[in-house]
């Protein structure tokens, strides 16, 4: 049984290595987002995963401060779903869509996040700018923000 499990892990790792050579973005990442004007170097607070077929999933803190244009205070953010494409050598464009709600569960806005990242040569980290828009039910942008992201690939760690 252990030999079979070991073979599965080795085959899986070889498959991952092949996918990374072709599409360096595929996999899961710990990501720190830093708004423009905020001190950089904060700990990762986002988990982002990219599939080989262009799907992107992002999990962020559920509760965040709402932009002043949305009343300030607290807002709750859903998990965001999106897509990614290669835009150049080790460069990718990402778009995520999520929903913002107030404490009572009332819809506030659709959150659209657009990101451009460049992966290092080892395919272990990425960085780039982002822009976030909060879009009201009427389709108008209510609030926007920008900043940078820094990501570190999540790798398999040995049990022992």
C-alpha atoms as a PDB file:
ATOM      1  CA  UNK A   1       0.000   0.000   0.000  1.00  0.00           C
ATOM      2  CA  UNK A   2       2.807   2.431   0.862  1.00  0.00           C
ATOM      3  CA  UNK A   3       4.516   1.661  -2.449  1.00  0.00           C
ATOM      4  CA  UNK A   4       1.287   2.444  -4.308  1.00  0.00           C
ATOM      5  CA  UNK A   5       0.833   5.683  -2.364  1.00  0.00           C
ATOM      6  CA  UNK A   6       4.453   6.627  -3.034  1.00  0.00           C
ATOM      7  CA  UNK A   7       4.030   5.922  -6.742  1.00  0.00           C
ATOM      8  CA  UNK A   8       0.896   8.064  -6.790  1.00  0.00           C
ATOM      9  CA  UNK A   9       2.704  10.940  -5.116  1.00  0.00           C
ATOM     10  CA  UNK A  10       5.631  10.678  -7.534  1.00  0.00           C
ATOM     11  CA  UNK A  11       3.321  10.508 -10.564  1.00  0.00           C
ATOM     12  CA  UNK A  12       1.320  13.449  -9.222  1.00  0.00           C
ATOM     13  CA  UNK A  13       4.478  15.492  -8.672  1.00  0.00           C
ATOM     14  CA  UNK A  14       5.725  14.702 -12.181  1.00  0.00           C
ATOM     15  CA  UNK A  15       2.346  15.770 -13.543  1.00  0.00           C
ATOM     16  CA  UNK A  16       2.512  18.999 -11.574  1.00  0.00           C
ATOM     17  CA  UNK A  17       6.048  19.684 -12.777  1.00  0.00           C
ATOM     18  CA  UNK A  18       4.914  19.145 -16.374  1.00  0.00           C
ATOM     19  CA  UNK A  19       1.950  21.466 -15.886  1.00  0.00           C
ATOM     20  CA  UNK A  20       4.211  24.113 -14.338  1.00  0.00           C
ATOM     21  CA  UNK A  21       6.608  23.937 -17.257  1.00  0.00           C
ATOM     22  CA  UNK A  22       3.711  24.547 -19.643  1.00  0.00           C
ATOM     23  CA  UNK A  23       1.563  26.872 -17.536  1.00  0.00           C
ATOM     24  CA  UNK A  24       3.511  28.222 -14.612  1.00  0.00           C
ATOM     25  CA  UNK A  25       0.405  29.668 -12.958  1.00  0.00           C
ATOM     26  CA  UNK A  26      -1.480  26.378 -12.440  1.00  0.00           C
ATOM     27  CA  UNK A  27      -1.647  25.459  -8.751  1.00  0.00           C
ATOM     28  CA  UNK A  28      -2.481  27.128  -5.446  1.00  0.00           C
ATOM     29  CA  UNK A  29      -0.901  30.252  -4.000  1.00  0.00           C
ATOM     30  CA  UNK A  30      -0.775  32.270  -0.769  1.00  0.00           C
ATOM     31  CA  UNK A  31      -1.203  35.905  -1.767  1.00  0.00           C
ATOM     32  CA  UNK A  32      -0.741  39.236  -0.004  1.00  0.00           C
ATOM     33  CA  UNK A  33      -2.616  42.187  -1.483  1.00  0.00           C
ATOM     34  CA  UNK A  34      -1.348  45.662  -0.599  1.00  0.00           C
ATOM     35  CA  UNK A  35      -3.577  48.652  -1.411  1.00  0.00           C
ATOM     36  CA  UNK A  36      -1.849  51.710  -2.879  1.00  0.00           C
ATOM     37  CA  UNK A  37      -0.443  53.833  -0.059  1.00  0.00           C
ATOM     38  CA  UNK A  38      -0.465  51.029   2.532  1.00  0.00           C
ATOM     39  CA  UNK A  39       2.765  49.601   3.972  1.00  0.00           C
ATOM     40  CA  UNK A  40       3.923  46.558   1.997  1.00  0.00           C
ATOM     41  CA  UNK A  41       5.185  43.245   3.302  1.00  0.00           C
ATOM     42  CA  UNK A  42       2.087  42.121   5.171  1.00  0.00           C
ATOM     43  CA  UNK A  43       1.381  38.424   5.641  1.00  0.00           C
ATOM     44  CA  UNK A  44      -0.592  36.534   2.978  1.00  0.00           C
ATOM     45  CA  UNK A  45      -4.325  36.831   3.584  1.00  0.00           C
ATOM     46  CA  UNK A  46      -5.665  35.312   0.365  1.00  0.00           C
ATOM     47  CA  UNK A  47      -5.700  31.808  -1.076  1.00  0.00           C
ATOM     48  CA  UNK A  48      -5.856  31.647  -4.866  1.00  0.00           C
ATOM     49  CA  UNK A  49      -5.998  28.564  -7.107  1.00  0.00           C
ATOM     50  CA  UNK A  50      -5.638  28.325 -10.880  1.00  0.00           C
ATOM     51  CA  UNK A  51      -6.699  25.299 -12.934  1.00  0.00           C
ATOM     52  CA  UNK A  52      -5.169  24.246 -16.253  1.00  0.00           C
ATOM     53  CA  UNK A  53      -8.368  25.153 -18.116  1.00  0.00           C
ATOM     54  CA  UNK A  54      -8.318  28.827 -17.104  1.00  0.00           C
ATOM     55  CA  UNK A  55     -10.496  28.784 -13.978  1.00  0.00           C
ATOM     56  CA  UNK A  56      -9.411  30.961 -11.048  1.00  0.00           C
ATOM     57  CA  UNK A  57     -10.753  30.760  -7.463  1.00  0.00           C
ATOM     58  CA  UNK A  58      -9.940  33.199  -4.655  1.00  0.00           C
ATOM     59  CA  UNK A  59     -10.727  32.957  -0.962  1.00  0.00           C
ATOM     60  CA  UNK A  60     -10.269  36.137   1.071  1.00  0.00           C
ATOM     61  CA  UNK A  61     -11.221  37.305   4.558  1.00  0.00           C
ATOM     62  CA  UNK A  62     -15.007  37.186   4.723  1.00  0.00           C
ATOM     63  CA  UNK A  63     -15.392  40.496   6.558  1.00  0.00           C
ATOM     64  CA  UNK A  64     -13.687  43.637   5.284  1.00  0.00           C
ATOM     65  CA  UNK A  65     -14.014  47.378   5.687  1.00  0.00           C
ATOM     66  CA  UNK A  66     -16.378  48.828   3.091  1.00  0.00           C
ATOM     67  CA  UNK A  67     -15.104  51.719   0.960  1.00  0.00           C
ATOM     68  CA  UNK A  68     -16.447  55.121   2.113  1.00  0.00           C
ATOM     69  CA  UNK A  69     -18.548  55.380  -1.081  1.00  0.00           C
ATOM     70  CA  UNK A  70     -20.349  52.230   0.085  1.00  0.00           C
ATOM     71  CA  UNK A  71     -21.116  53.613   3.534  1.00  0.00           C
ATOM     72  CA  UNK A  72     -17.910  52.602   5.326  1.00  0.00           C
ATOM     73  CA  UNK A  73     -18.419  50.127   8.121  1.00  0.00           C
ATOM     74  CA  UNK A  74     -18.291  46.402   7.515  1.00  0.00           C
ATOM     75  CA  UNK A  75     -19.043  44.383   4.421  1.00  0.00           C
ATOM     76  CA  UNK A  76     -18.996  40.671   3.798  1.00  0.00           C
ATOM     77  CA  UNK A  77     -17.291  39.375   0.642  1.00  0.00           C
ATOM     78  CA  UNK A  78     -18.138  36.085  -1.052  1.00  0.00           C
ATOM     79  CA  UNK A  79     -15.570  33.682  -2.434  1.00  0.00           C
ATOM     80  CA  UNK A  80     -14.578  35.042  -5.836  1.00  0.00           C
ATOM     81  CA  UNK A  81     -14.519  33.061  -9.063  1.00  0.00           C
ATOM     82  CA  UNK A  82     -12.853  34.007 -12.295  1.00  0.00           C
ATOM     83  CA  UNK A  83     -10.606  33.282 -15.217  1.00  0.00           C
ATOM     84  CA  UNK A  84      -6.970  33.635 -16.220  1.00  0.00           C
ATOM     85  CA  UNK A  85      -5.041  33.809 -19.487  1.00  0.00           C
ATOM     86  CA  UNK A  86      -1.387  33.921 -20.478  1.00  0.00           C
ATOM     87  CA  UNK A  87      -0.486  37.406 -21.760  1.00  0.00           C
ATOM     88  CA  UNK A  88       3.249  36.905 -22.335  1.00  0.00           C
ATOM     89  CA  UNK A  89       6.333  35.029 -21.186  1.00  0.00           C
ATOM     90  CA  UNK A  90       5.568  34.226 -17.504  1.00  0.00           C
ATOM     91  CA  UNK A  91       2.873  36.949 -17.581  1.00  0.00           C
ATOM     92  CA  UNK A  92      -0.824  36.419 -16.890  1.00  0.00           C
ATOM     93  CA  UNK A  93      -4.064  38.368 -16.739  1.00  0.00           C
ATOM     94  CA  UNK A  94      -6.611  37.478 -14.043  1.00  0.00           C
ATOM     95  CA  UNK A  95     -10.205  38.564 -13.446  1.00  0.00           C
ATOM     96  CA  UNK A  96     -12.228  37.615 -10.358  1.00  0.00           C
ATOM     97  CA  UNK A  97     -15.902  38.327  -9.593  1.00  0.00           C
ATOM     98  CA  UNK A  98     -17.478  38.227  -6.133  1.00  0.00           C
ATOM     99  CA  UNK A  99     -20.327  39.809  -4.208  1.00  0.00           C
ATOM    100  CA  UNK A 100     -20.375  42.277  -1.302  1.00  0.00           C
ATOM    101  CA  UNK A 101     -23.130  42.254   1.326  1.00  0.00           C
ATOM    102  CA  UNK A 102     -23.824  44.311   4.444  1.00  0.00           C
ATOM    103  CA  UNK A 103     -24.104  42.789   7.941  1.00  0.00           C
ATOM    104  CA  UNK A 104     -27.801  42.068   7.350  1.00  0.00           C
ATOM    105  CA  UNK A 105     -27.051  40.114   4.167  1.00  0.00           C
ATOM    106  CA  UNK A 106     -28.319  42.815   1.802  1.00  0.00           C
ATOM    107  CA  UNK A 107     -26.509  43.048  -1.548  1.00  0.00           C
ATOM    108  CA  UNK A 108     -24.151  46.038  -1.765  1.00  0.00           C
ATOM    109  CA  UNK A 109     -22.212  45.498  -4.978  1.00  0.00           C
ATOM    110  CA  UNK A 110     -20.464  43.115  -7.333  1.00  0.00           C
ATOM    111  CA  UNK A 111     -16.719  43.089  -6.763  1.00  0.00           C
ATOM    112  CA  UNK A 112     -14.539  42.853  -9.896  1.00  0.00           C
ATOM    113  CA  UNK A 113     -10.800  42.368  -9.413  1.00  0.00           C
ATOM    114  CA  UNK A 114      -8.378  42.590 -12.345  1.00  0.00           C
ATOM    115  CA  UNK A 115      -4.747  41.593 -11.883  1.00  0.00           C
ATOM    116  CA  UNK A 116      -1.635  41.383 -14.072  1.00  0.00           C
ATOM    117  CA  UNK A 117       1.099  39.149 -12.643  1.00  0.00           C
ATOM    118  CA  UNK A 118       4.568  38.077 -13.654  1.00  0.00           C
ATOM    119  CA  UNK A 119       5.983  34.816 -12.283  1.00  0.00           C
ATOM    120  CA  UNK A 120       9.642  34.446 -11.342  1.00  0.00           C
ATOM    121  CA  UNK A 121      11.823  32.043 -13.351  1.00  0.00           C
ATOM    122  CA  UNK A 122      11.546  29.318 -10.690  1.00  0.00           C
ATOM    123  CA  UNK A 123       7.710  29.534 -10.825  1.00  0.00           C
ATOM    124  CA  UNK A 124       7.591  29.889  -7.036  1.00  0.00           C
ATOM    125  CA  UNK A 125       6.391  33.487  -6.685  1.00  0.00           C
ATOM    126  CA  UNK A 126       4.568  36.203  -8.597  1.00  0.00           C
ATOM    127  CA  UNK A 127       3.841  39.897  -8.270  1.00  0.00           C
ATOM    128  CA  UNK A 128       1.958  42.616 -10.083  1.00  0.00           C
ATOM    129  CA  UNK A 129      -0.670  45.357  -9.927  1.00  0.00           C
ATOM    130  CA  UNK A 130      -4.387  44.934  -9.246  1.00  0.00           C
ATOM    131  CA  UNK A 131      -7.502  47.059  -9.583  1.00  0.00           C
ATOM    132  CA  UNK A 132     -10.747  46.427  -7.715  1.00  0.00           C
ATOM    133  CA  UNK A 133     -14.109  47.895  -8.704  1.00  0.00           C
ATOM    134  CA  UNK A 134     -17.347  47.674  -6.746  1.00  0.00           C
ATOM    135  CA  UNK A 135     -20.241  47.770  -9.203  1.00  0.00           C
ATOM    136  CA  UNK A 136     -23.801  48.586  -8.140  1.00  0.00           C
ATOM    137  CA  UNK A 137     -26.959  46.812  -9.255  1.00  0.00           C
ATOM    138  CA  UNK A 138     -27.376  49.495 -11.956  1.00  0.00           C
ATOM    139  CA  UNK A 139     -23.966  48.628 -13.471  1.00  0.00           C
ATOM    140  CA  UNK A 140     -22.263  51.837 -12.332  1.00  0.00           C
ATOM    141  CA  UNK A 141     -18.913  51.702 -10.525  1.00  0.00           C
ATOM    142  CA  UNK A 142     -19.490  52.791  -6.911  1.00  0.00           C
ATOM    143  CA  UNK A 143     -15.906  52.586  -5.650  1.00  0.00           C
ATOM    144  CA  UNK A 144     -12.490  51.526  -6.922  1.00  0.00           C
ATOM    145  CA  UNK A 145      -9.126  50.704  -5.437  1.00  0.00           C
ATOM    146  CA  UNK A 146      -5.715  49.593  -6.644  1.00  0.00           C
ATOM    147  CA  UNK A 147      -2.483  48.154  -5.326  1.00  0.00           C
ATOM    148  CA  UNK A 148      -0.091  45.267  -5.743  1.00  0.00           C
ATOM    149  CA  UNK A 149      -0.135  41.531  -5.078  1.00  0.00           C
ATOM    150  CA  UNK A 150       2.674  39.177  -4.107  1.00  0.00           C
ATOM    151  CA  UNK A 151       2.087  35.436  -4.295  1.00  0.00           C
ATOM    152  CA  UNK A 152       3.988  32.378  -3.096  1.00  0.00           C
ATOM    153  CA  UNK A 153       3.232  28.933  -4.501  1.00  0.00           C
ATOM    154  CA  UNK A 154       1.882  26.346  -2.054  1.00  0.00           C
ATOM    155  CA  UNK A 155       3.983  23.204  -2.351  1.00  0.00           C
ATOM    156  CA  UNK A 156       3.560  19.706  -0.961  1.00  0.00           C
ATOM    157  CA  UNK A 157       5.381  19.331   2.351  1.00  0.00           C
ATOM    158  CA  UNK A 158       6.545  15.938   3.590  1.00  0.00           C
ATOM    159  CA  UNK A 159       4.560  14.512   6.492  1.00  0.00           C
ATOM    160  CA  UNK A 160       7.574  13.558   8.571  1.00  0.00           C
END
